Amino acid sequence: MNYTRTLLSSIVKGSRSVYAGGSYSESAFATTRQPQCLPWRAGTHVSQLHASALLSASGDPIYSKYDPDVSVFHRHNLKKYPPLEPGEAPRHAFVCHEKRNIRYYPKKMQVVAKFIRGMTIDDAINQLKFCPMKGAVDVLETILEAQKMAVEEHNVEFPSNLWVSESFCLPDQVIKTMRRHSKARVGIIRHRFVHYCCTLEEGKPPKHYYHDTRPLEPHEHIQQWLKEKRERHVPLSI
């Protein structure tokens, strides 16, 4: 029993000495929980990342305090970034939102999700209002809620200055029930659920959302034609 207590006390002292050399003191380590998220960079203090006094005094890593009720996708909204360096490109605001447990097939929801990718927020709302698919109603509700979050919680000045940078769905739970048939036979009914995720970003959308399938420019057509001619193989040639 005494050996076990000695071993535990040595482990606690060793862990305290490690955090005492970093951004956590021995008293803070004894009274608070360990951070649930990894720091920005190994061996880097939070005070070196954030120049503002408010963020430096809070002592939080990149993310805010870990909340188990917040989903992984919503946790992107709690992310904190370092101040911009002189001459660095401006970082546009974004908001992530999702809707879970939608009674709809994932393959059909994926069609609606891909339909509004790369659109401005106004175009996406207008297109979803006239979309005949059932999943468009849930996608429209999620887009409107994300737009409201961007204005109220993420300091976006103009609600119409947003575009859909991410729009996808993931399969959720599948509930199986029984269907009775004749001659004492039964079948399985699968009730599929899906959750939809979207990201709205401030600014104007790119000219071509899918870079690989975009139309080529005139100089790119010439380069592609030259490459094909140089790589061609003429049979029975020297």
C-alpha atoms as a PDB file:
ATOM      1  CA  MET A   1       0.000   0.000   0.000  1.00  0.00           C
ATOM      2  CA  ASN A   2       2.821   2.406   0.913  1.00  0.00           C
ATOM      3  CA  TYR A   3       4.658   1.503  -2.310  1.00  0.00           C
ATOM      4  CA  THR A   4       1.563   2.388  -4.388  1.00  0.00           C
ATOM      5  CA  ARG A   5       1.185   5.769  -2.676  1.00  0.00           C
ATOM      6  CA  THR A   6       4.886   6.535  -3.235  1.00  0.00           C
ATOM      7  CA  LEU A   7       4.596   5.637  -6.916  1.00  0.00           C
ATOM      8  CA  LEU A   8       1.498   7.826  -7.431  1.00  0.00           C
ATOM      9  CA  SER A   9       3.065  10.790  -5.657  1.00  0.00           C
ATOM     10  CA  SER A  10       6.196  10.526  -7.830  1.00  0.00           C
ATOM     11  CA  ILE A  11       4.082  10.484 -11.007  1.00  0.00           C
ATOM     12  CA  VAL A  12       2.097  13.553  -9.917  1.00  0.00           C
ATOM     13  CA  LYS A  13       5.286  15.438  -8.983  1.00  0.00           C
ATOM     14  CA  GLY A  14       6.826  14.612 -12.353  1.00  0.00           C
ATOM     15  CA  SER A  15       3.800  15.823 -14.269  1.00  0.00           C
ATOM     16  CA  ARG A  16       3.700  19.011 -12.184  1.00  0.00           C
ATOM     17  CA  SER A  17       7.344  19.720 -12.919  1.00  0.00           C
ATOM     18  CA  VAL A  18       6.680  19.397 -16.665  1.00  0.00           C
ATOM     19  CA  TYR A  19       3.799  21.887 -16.608  1.00  0.00           C
ATOM     20  CA  ALA A  20       5.650  24.212 -14.246  1.00  0.00           C
ATOM     21  CA  GLY A  21       8.216  24.865 -17.002  1.00  0.00           C
ATOM     22  CA  GLY A  22       5.465  25.621 -19.542  1.00  0.00           C
ATOM     23  CA  SER A  23       2.475  27.909 -19.461  1.00  0.00           C
ATOM     24  CA  TYR A  24       0.830  26.128 -16.486  1.00  0.00           C
ATOM     25  CA  SER A  25       2.000  26.580 -12.904  1.00  0.00           C
ATOM     26  CA  GLU A  26       1.961  23.886 -10.233  1.00  0.00           C
ATOM     27  CA  SER A  27      -0.963  25.439  -8.347  1.00  0.00           C
ATOM     28  CA  ALA A  28      -3.000  25.902 -11.511  1.00  0.00           C
ATOM     29  CA  PHE A  29      -2.364  22.308 -12.513  1.00  0.00           C
ATOM     30  CA  ALA A  30      -3.571  21.071  -9.141  1.00  0.00           C
ATOM     31  CA  THR A  31      -6.814  23.062  -9.178  1.00  0.00           C
ATOM     32  CA  THR A  32      -7.849  22.984 -12.842  1.00  0.00           C
ATOM     33  CA  ARG A  33      -8.410  20.317 -15.450  1.00  0.00           C
ATOM     34  CA  GLN A  34      -5.875  19.525 -18.125  1.00  0.00           C
ATOM     35  CA  PRO A  35      -6.598  21.198 -21.483  1.00  0.00           C
ATOM     36  CA  GLN A  36      -8.624  18.965 -23.763  1.00  0.00           C
ATOM     37  CA  CYS A  37      -7.201  20.402 -27.009  1.00  0.00           C
ATOM     38  CA  LEU A  38      -3.640  20.376 -28.243  1.00  0.00           C
ATOM     39  CA  PRO A  39      -1.681  23.666 -28.272  1.00  0.00           C
ATOM     40  CA  TRP A  40      -0.930  25.491 -31.503  1.00  0.00           C
ATOM     41  CA  ARG A  41       2.643  24.263 -31.605  1.00  0.00           C
ATOM     42  CA  ALA A  42       4.644  22.059 -29.266  1.00  0.00           C
ATOM     43  CA  GLY A  43       6.532  24.136 -26.710  1.00  0.00           C
ATOM     44  CA  THR A  44       4.807  27.407 -27.694  1.00  0.00           C
ATOM     45  CA  HIS A  45       3.154  29.571 -25.079  1.00  0.00           C
ATOM     46  CA  VAL A  46      -0.266  31.088 -25.609  1.00  0.00           C
ATOM     47  CA  SER A  47       1.094  34.550 -24.785  1.00  0.00           C
ATOM     48  CA  GLN A  48       3.412  34.286 -27.789  1.00  0.00           C
ATOM     49  CA  LEU A  49       0.493  33.632 -30.135  1.00  0.00           C
ATOM     50  CA  HIS A  50      -2.037  36.265 -29.092  1.00  0.00           C
ATOM     51  CA  ALA A  51      -0.951  39.872 -28.739  1.00  0.00           C
ATOM     52  CA  SER A  52      -4.206  41.069 -27.172  1.00  0.00           C
ATOM     53  CA  ALA A  53      -4.360  41.226 -23.397  1.00  0.00           C
ATOM     54  CA  LEU A  54      -7.754  39.535 -23.284  1.00  0.00           C
ATOM     55  CA  LEU A  55      -6.614  36.380 -25.081  1.00  0.00           C
ATOM     56  CA  SER A  56      -3.290  36.259 -23.262  1.00  0.00           C
ATOM     57  CA  ALA A  57      -4.949  36.540 -19.857  1.00  0.00           C
ATOM     58  CA  SER A  58      -7.499  33.850 -20.608  1.00  0.00           C
ATOM     59  CA  GLY A  59      -4.812  31.170 -20.967  1.00  0.00           C
ATOM     60  CA  ASP A  60      -6.870  29.187 -23.466  1.00  0.00           C
ATOM     61  CA  PRO A  61      -5.255  27.271 -26.333  1.00  0.00           C
ATOM     62  CA  ILE A  62      -6.642  27.608 -29.874  1.00  0.00           C
ATOM     63  CA  TYR A  63     -10.100  26.452 -28.894  1.00  0.00           C
ATOM     64  CA  SER A  64     -12.278  27.684 -26.090  1.00  0.00           C
ATOM     65  CA  LYS A  65     -13.099  25.500 -23.105  1.00  0.00           C
ATOM     66  CA  TYR A  66     -14.007  22.003 -24.221  1.00  0.00           C
ATOM     67  CA  ASP A  67     -17.735  21.354 -24.153  1.00  0.00           C
ATOM     68  CA  PRO A  68     -18.850  17.758 -24.748  1.00  0.00           C
ATOM     69  CA  ASP A  69     -22.256  19.000 -25.942  1.00  0.00           C
ATOM     70  CA  VAL A  70     -20.671  20.850 -28.895  1.00  0.00           C
ATOM     71  CA  SER A  71     -20.209  18.676 -31.962  1.00  0.00           C
ATOM     72  CA  VAL A  72     -16.895  18.331 -33.759  1.00  0.00           C
ATOM     73  CA  PHE A  73     -18.099  20.392 -36.712  1.00  0.00           C
ATOM     74  CA  HIS A  74     -19.474  23.189 -34.536  1.00  0.00           C
ATOM     75  CA  ARG A  75     -16.192  23.304 -32.646  1.00  0.00           C
ATOM     76  CA  HIS A  76     -14.635  25.092 -35.631  1.00  0.00           C
ATOM     77  CA  ASN A  77     -16.617  28.167 -34.596  1.00  0.00           C
ATOM     78  CA  LEU A  78     -14.716  28.272 -31.276  1.00  0.00           C
ATOM     79  CA  LYS A  79     -11.314  28.354 -32.919  1.00  0.00           C
ATOM     80  CA  LYS A  80      -9.062  31.311 -32.141  1.00  0.00           C
ATOM     81  CA  TYR A  81      -6.433  32.561 -34.577  1.00  0.00           C
ATOM     82  CA  PRO A  82      -3.298  34.656 -33.946  1.00  0.00           C
ATOM     83  CA  PRO A  83      -3.274  38.310 -35.030  1.00  0.00           C
ATOM     84  CA  LEU A  84      -2.470  39.021 -38.667  1.00  0.00           C
ATOM     85  CA  GLU A  85       1.114  39.834 -39.513  1.00  0.00           C
ATOM     86  CA  PRO A  86       1.916  43.040 -41.445  1.00  0.00           C
ATOM     87  CA  GLY A  87       1.288  42.452 -45.123  1.00  0.00           C
ATOM     88  CA  GLU A  88      -0.628  39.203 -44.546  1.00  0.00           C
ATOM     89  CA  ALA A  89      -3.782  38.597 -46.560  1.00  0.00           C
ATOM     90  CA  PRO A  90      -6.999  39.315 -44.624  1.00  0.00           C
ATOM     91  CA  ARG A  91      -8.648  36.328 -43.024  1.00  0.00           C
ATOM     92  CA  HIS A  92     -12.319  36.149 -43.939  1.00  0.00           C
ATOM     93  CA  ALA A  93     -14.872  35.294 -41.292  1.00  0.00           C
ATOM     94  CA  PHE A  94     -16.670  31.975 -41.534  1.00  0.00           C
ATOM     95  CA  VAL A  95     -19.343  30.070 -39.660  1.00  0.00           C
ATOM     96  CA  CYS A  96     -20.037  26.336 -39.530  1.00  0.00           C
ATOM     97  CA  HIS A  97     -23.477  24.954 -38.890  1.00  0.00           C
ATOM     98  CA  GLU A  98     -25.217  21.599 -39.132  1.00  0.00           C
ATOM     99  CA  LYS A  99     -28.580  19.934 -38.681  1.00  0.00           C
ATOM    100  CA  ARG A 100     -28.768  16.388 -37.360  1.00  0.00           C
ATOM    101  CA  ASN A 101     -31.218  13.499 -37.548  1.00  0.00           C
ATOM    102  CA  ILE A 102     -32.947  14.463 -40.778  1.00  0.00           C
ATOM    103  CA  ARG A 103     -35.317  11.746 -41.973  1.00  0.00           C
ATOM    104  CA  TYR A 104     -34.022  11.569 -45.534  1.00  0.00           C
ATOM    105  CA  TYR A 105     -31.851   9.357 -47.698  1.00  0.00           C
ATOM    106  CA  PRO A 106     -28.146  10.348 -47.779  1.00  0.00           C
ATOM    107  CA  LYS A 107     -27.855   9.891 -51.569  1.00  0.00           C
ATOM    108  CA  LYS A 108     -30.766  12.250 -52.208  1.00  0.00           C
ATOM    109  CA  MET A 109     -29.506  14.787 -49.681  1.00  0.00           C
ATOM    110  CA  GLN A 110     -26.097  14.755 -51.347  1.00  0.00           C
ATOM    111  CA  VAL A 111     -27.702  15.971 -54.577  1.00  0.00           C
ATOM    112  CA  VAL A 112     -29.140  19.022 -52.800  1.00  0.00           C
ATOM    113  CA  ALA A 113     -25.888  19.655 -50.915  1.00  0.00           C
ATOM    114  CA  LYS A 114     -23.783  19.648 -54.090  1.00  0.00           C
ATOM    115  CA  PHE A 115     -26.329  21.846 -55.847  1.00  0.00           C
ATOM    116  CA  ILE A 116     -25.584  25.004 -53.817  1.00  0.00           C
ATOM    117  CA  ARG A 117     -21.805  24.707 -53.466  1.00  0.00           C
ATOM    118  CA  GLY A 118     -19.983  27.856 -54.497  1.00  0.00           C
ATOM    119  CA  MET A 119     -23.165  29.976 -54.656  1.00  0.00           C
ATOM    120  CA  THR A 120     -23.713  33.251 -52.890  1.00  0.00           C
ATOM    121  CA  ILE A 121     -26.070  33.159 -49.937  1.00  0.00           C
ATOM    122  CA  ASP A 122     -28.847  34.944 -51.853  1.00  0.00           C
ATOM    123  CA  ASP A 123     -28.596  32.652 -54.869  1.00  0.00           C
ATOM    124  CA  ALA A 124     -28.578  29.551 -52.661  1.00  0.00           C
ATOM    125  CA  ILE A 125     -31.700  30.679 -50.802  1.00  0.00           C
ATOM    126  CA  ASN A 126     -33.573  31.466 -54.024  1.00  0.00           C
ATOM    127  CA  GLN A 127     -32.620  28.154 -55.612  1.00  0.00           C
ATOM    128  CA  LEU A 128     -33.619  26.136 -52.549  1.00  0.00           C
ATOM    129  CA  LYS A 129     -37.007  27.819 -52.359  1.00  0.00           C
ATOM    130  CA  PHE A 130     -37.897  26.457 -55.805  1.00  0.00           C
ATOM    131  CA  CYS A 131     -36.148  23.100 -55.478  1.00  0.00           C
ATOM    132  CA  PRO A 132     -38.782  20.307 -55.592  1.00  0.00           C
ATOM    133  CA  MET A 133     -36.736  17.853 -53.489  1.00  0.00           C
ATOM    134  CA  LYS A 134     -37.810  17.239 -49.914  1.00  0.00           C
ATOM    135  CA  GLY A 135     -34.320  17.731 -48.480  1.00  0.00           C
ATOM    136  CA  ALA A 136     -34.190  21.319 -49.773  1.00  0.00           C
ATOM    137  CA  VAL A 137     -36.427  22.418 -46.878  1.00  0.00           C
ATOM    138  CA  ASP A 138     -33.942  21.240 -44.240  1.00  0.00           C
ATOM    139  CA  VAL A 139     -30.987  22.641 -46.163  1.00  0.00           C
ATOM    140  CA  LEU A 140     -32.716  26.029 -46.443  1.00  0.00           C
ATOM    141  CA  GLU A 141     -33.376  26.112 -42.700  1.00  0.00           C
ATOM    142  CA  THR A 142     -29.728  25.313 -41.982  1.00  0.00           C
ATOM    143  CA  ILE A 143     -28.491  28.020 -44.365  1.00  0.00           C
ATOM    144  CA  LEU A 144     -30.747  30.664 -42.798  1.00  0.00           C
ATOM    145  CA  GLU A 145     -29.667  29.691 -39.277  1.00  0.00           C
ATOM    146  CA  ALA A 146     -26.004  29.867 -40.296  1.00  0.00           C
ATOM    147  CA  GLN A 147     -26.572  33.305 -41.818  1.00  0.00           C
ATOM    148  CA  LYS A 148     -28.110  34.521 -38.568  1.00  0.00           C
ATOM    149  CA  MET A 149     -25.202  33.075 -36.566  1.00  0.00           C
ATOM    150  CA  ALA A 150     -22.686  34.832 -38.823  1.00  0.00           C
ATOM    151  CA  VAL A 151     -24.244  38.243 -38.191  1.00  0.00           C
ATOM    152  CA  GLU A 152     -24.960  37.885 -34.473  1.00  0.00           C
ATOM    153  CA  GLU A 153     -21.985  35.837 -33.267  1.00  0.00           C
ATOM    154  CA  HIS A 154     -19.179  36.274 -35.822  1.00  0.00           C
ATOM    155  CA  ASN A 155     -19.335  40.023 -36.544  1.00  0.00           C
ATOM    156  CA  VAL A 156     -20.275  39.754 -40.216  1.00  0.00           C
ATOM    157  CA  GLU A 157     -21.455  43.210 -41.239  1.00  0.00           C
ATOM    158  CA  PHE A 158     -23.619  42.392 -44.272  1.00  0.00           C
ATOM    159  CA  PRO A 159     -25.763  39.220 -44.271  1.00  0.00           C
ATOM    160  CA  SER A 160     -25.704  39.065 -48.071  1.00  0.00           C
ATOM    161  CA  ASN A 161     -21.885  39.165 -48.226  1.00  0.00           C
ATOM    162  CA  LEU A 162     -21.580  35.400 -47.705  1.00  0.00           C
ATOM    163  CA  TRP A 163     -21.122  32.379 -49.934  1.00  0.00           C
ATOM    164  CA  VAL A 164     -21.410  28.621 -49.423  1.00  0.00           C
ATOM    165  CA  SER A 165     -17.850  27.332 -49.217  1.00  0.00           C
ATOM    166  CA  GLU A 166     -18.755  23.862 -47.881  1.00  0.00           C
ATOM    167  CA  SER A 167     -21.955  21.879 -48.246  1.00  0.00           C
ATOM    168  CA  PHE A 168     -22.104  18.157 -47.604  1.00  0.00           C
ATOM    169  CA  CYS A 169     -24.052  15.494 -45.736  1.00  0.00           C
ATOM    170  CA  LEU A 170     -23.070  12.455 -43.733  1.00  0.00           C
ATOM    171  CA  PRO A 171     -25.115   9.328 -43.013  1.00  0.00           C
ATOM    172  CA  ASP A 172     -26.516   9.105 -39.523  1.00  0.00           C
ATOM    173  CA  GLN A 173     -28.294   6.315 -37.684  1.00  0.00           C
ATOM    174  CA  VAL A 174     -30.355   3.626 -39.413  1.00  0.00           C
ATOM    175  CA  ILE A 175     -33.413   2.328 -37.567  1.00  0.00           C
ATOM    176  CA  LYS A 176     -34.583  -1.114 -38.600  1.00  0.00           C
ATOM    177  CA  THR A 177     -38.188  -2.193 -38.237  1.00  0.00           C
ATOM    178  CA  MET A 178     -40.112  -5.281 -39.287  1.00  0.00           C
ATOM    179  CA  ARG A 179     -42.586  -5.696 -42.114  1.00  0.00           C
ATOM    180  CA  ARG A 180     -44.834  -8.737 -42.035  1.00  0.00           C
ATOM    181  CA  HIS A 181     -45.413 -10.796 -45.161  1.00  0.00           C
ATOM    182  CA  SER A 182     -47.573 -13.756 -45.926  1.00  0.00           C
ATOM    183  CA  LYS A 183     -46.736 -17.303 -44.884  1.00  0.00           C
ATOM    184  CA  ALA A 184     -45.074 -16.171 -41.636  1.00  0.00           C
ATOM    185  CA  ARG A 185     -42.293 -14.332 -43.438  1.00  0.00           C
ATOM    186  CA  VAL A 186     -40.870 -10.962 -42.404  1.00  0.00           C
ATOM    187  CA  GLY A 187     -38.861  -8.229 -44.094  1.00  0.00           C
ATOM    188  CA  ILE A 188     -36.624  -5.421 -42.853  1.00  0.00           C
ATOM    189  CA  ILE A 189     -37.513  -1.760 -43.259  1.00  0.00           C
ATOM    190  CA  ARG A 190     -34.545   0.600 -42.955  1.00  0.00           C
ATOM    191  CA  HIS A 191     -35.359   4.138 -41.832  1.00  0.00           C
ATOM    192  CA  ARG A 192     -32.282   6.149 -42.798  1.00  0.00           C
ATOM    193  CA  PHE A 193     -31.278   9.449 -41.219  1.00  0.00           C
ATOM    194  CA  VAL A 194     -28.731  11.999 -42.312  1.00  0.00           C
ATOM    195  CA  HIS A 195     -27.169  15.153 -40.938  1.00  0.00           C
ATOM    196  CA  TYR A 196     -26.315  18.111 -43.139  1.00  0.00           C
ATOM    197  CA  CYS A 197     -23.280  20.397 -42.668  1.00  0.00           C
ATOM    198  CA  CYS A 198     -22.487  23.723 -44.309  1.00  0.00           C
ATOM    199  CA  THR A 199     -19.910  26.488 -44.011  1.00  0.00           C
ATOM    200  CA  LEU A 200     -20.581  30.106 -44.942  1.00  0.00           C
ATOM    201  CA  GLU A 201     -17.599  32.332 -45.680  1.00  0.00           C
ATOM    202  CA  GLU A 202     -17.479  36.094 -45.914  1.00  0.00           C
ATOM    203  CA  GLY A 203     -16.684  37.653 -49.268  1.00  0.00           C
ATOM    204  CA  LYS A 204     -17.317  36.784 -52.896  1.00  0.00           C
ATOM    205  CA  PRO A 205     -17.258  33.200 -54.199  1.00  0.00           C
ATOM    206  CA  PRO A 206     -14.550  32.071 -56.627  1.00  0.00           C
ATOM    207  CA  LYS A 207     -15.210  32.169 -60.322  1.00  0.00           C
ATOM    208  CA  HIS A 208     -14.962  28.377 -60.563  1.00  0.00           C
ATOM    209  CA  TYR A 209     -15.653  26.288 -57.462  1.00  0.00           C
ATOM    210  CA  TYR A 210     -14.273  23.039 -58.922  1.00  0.00           C
ATOM    211  CA  HIS A 211     -10.804  23.899 -60.186  1.00  0.00           C
ATOM    212  CA  ASP A 212     -10.239  20.599 -62.006  1.00  0.00           C
ATOM    213  CA  THR A 213     -13.369  20.862 -64.153  1.00  0.00           C
ATOM    214  CA  ARG A 214     -13.162  24.584 -64.946  1.00  0.00           C
ATOM    215  CA  PRO A 215     -12.936  25.710 -68.595  1.00  0.00           C
ATOM    216  CA  LEU A 216      -9.369  26.322 -69.731  1.00  0.00           C
ATOM    217  CA  GLU A 217      -8.023  29.731 -70.664  1.00  0.00           C
ATOM    218  CA  PRO A 218      -6.634  30.314 -74.200  1.00  0.00           C
ATOM    219  CA  HIS A 219      -2.988  30.050 -73.106  1.00  0.00           C
ATOM    220  CA  GLU A 220      -3.804  26.860 -71.181  1.00  0.00           C
ATOM    221  CA  HIS A 221      -5.348  25.360 -74.322  1.00  0.00           C
ATOM    222  CA  ILE A 222      -2.111  26.061 -76.191  1.00  0.00           C
ATOM    223  CA  GLN A 223       0.017  24.480 -73.465  1.00  0.00           C
ATOM    224  CA  GLN A 224      -2.207  21.407 -73.401  1.00  0.00           C
ATOM    225  CA  TRP A 225      -2.059  21.083 -77.205  1.00  0.00           C
ATOM    226  CA  LEU A 226       1.734  21.341 -77.197  1.00  0.00           C
ATOM    227  CA  LYS A 227       2.004  18.747 -74.441  1.00  0.00           C
ATOM    228  CA  GLU A 228      -0.174  16.292 -76.368  1.00  0.00           C
ATOM    229  CA  LYS A 229       1.881  16.764 -79.532  1.00  0.00           C
ATOM    230  CA  ARG A 230       5.181  16.296 -77.736  1.00  0.00           C
ATOM    231  CA  GLU A 231       4.034  13.168 -75.942  1.00  0.00           C
ATOM    232  CA  ARG A 232       2.392  11.503 -78.929  1.00  0.00           C
ATOM    233  CA  HIS A 233       3.805   8.295 -80.352  1.00  0.00           C
ATOM    234  CA  VAL A 234       3.894   7.697 -84.095  1.00  0.00           C
ATOM    235  CA  PRO A 235       3.977   3.951 -84.845  1.00  0.00           C
ATOM    236  CA  LEU A 236       6.703   2.601 -87.164  1.00  0.00           C
ATOM    237  CA  SER A 237       8.675   5.829 -86.880  1.00  0.00           C
ATOM    238  CA  ILE A 238      12.389   6.286 -86.282  1.00  0.00           C
END
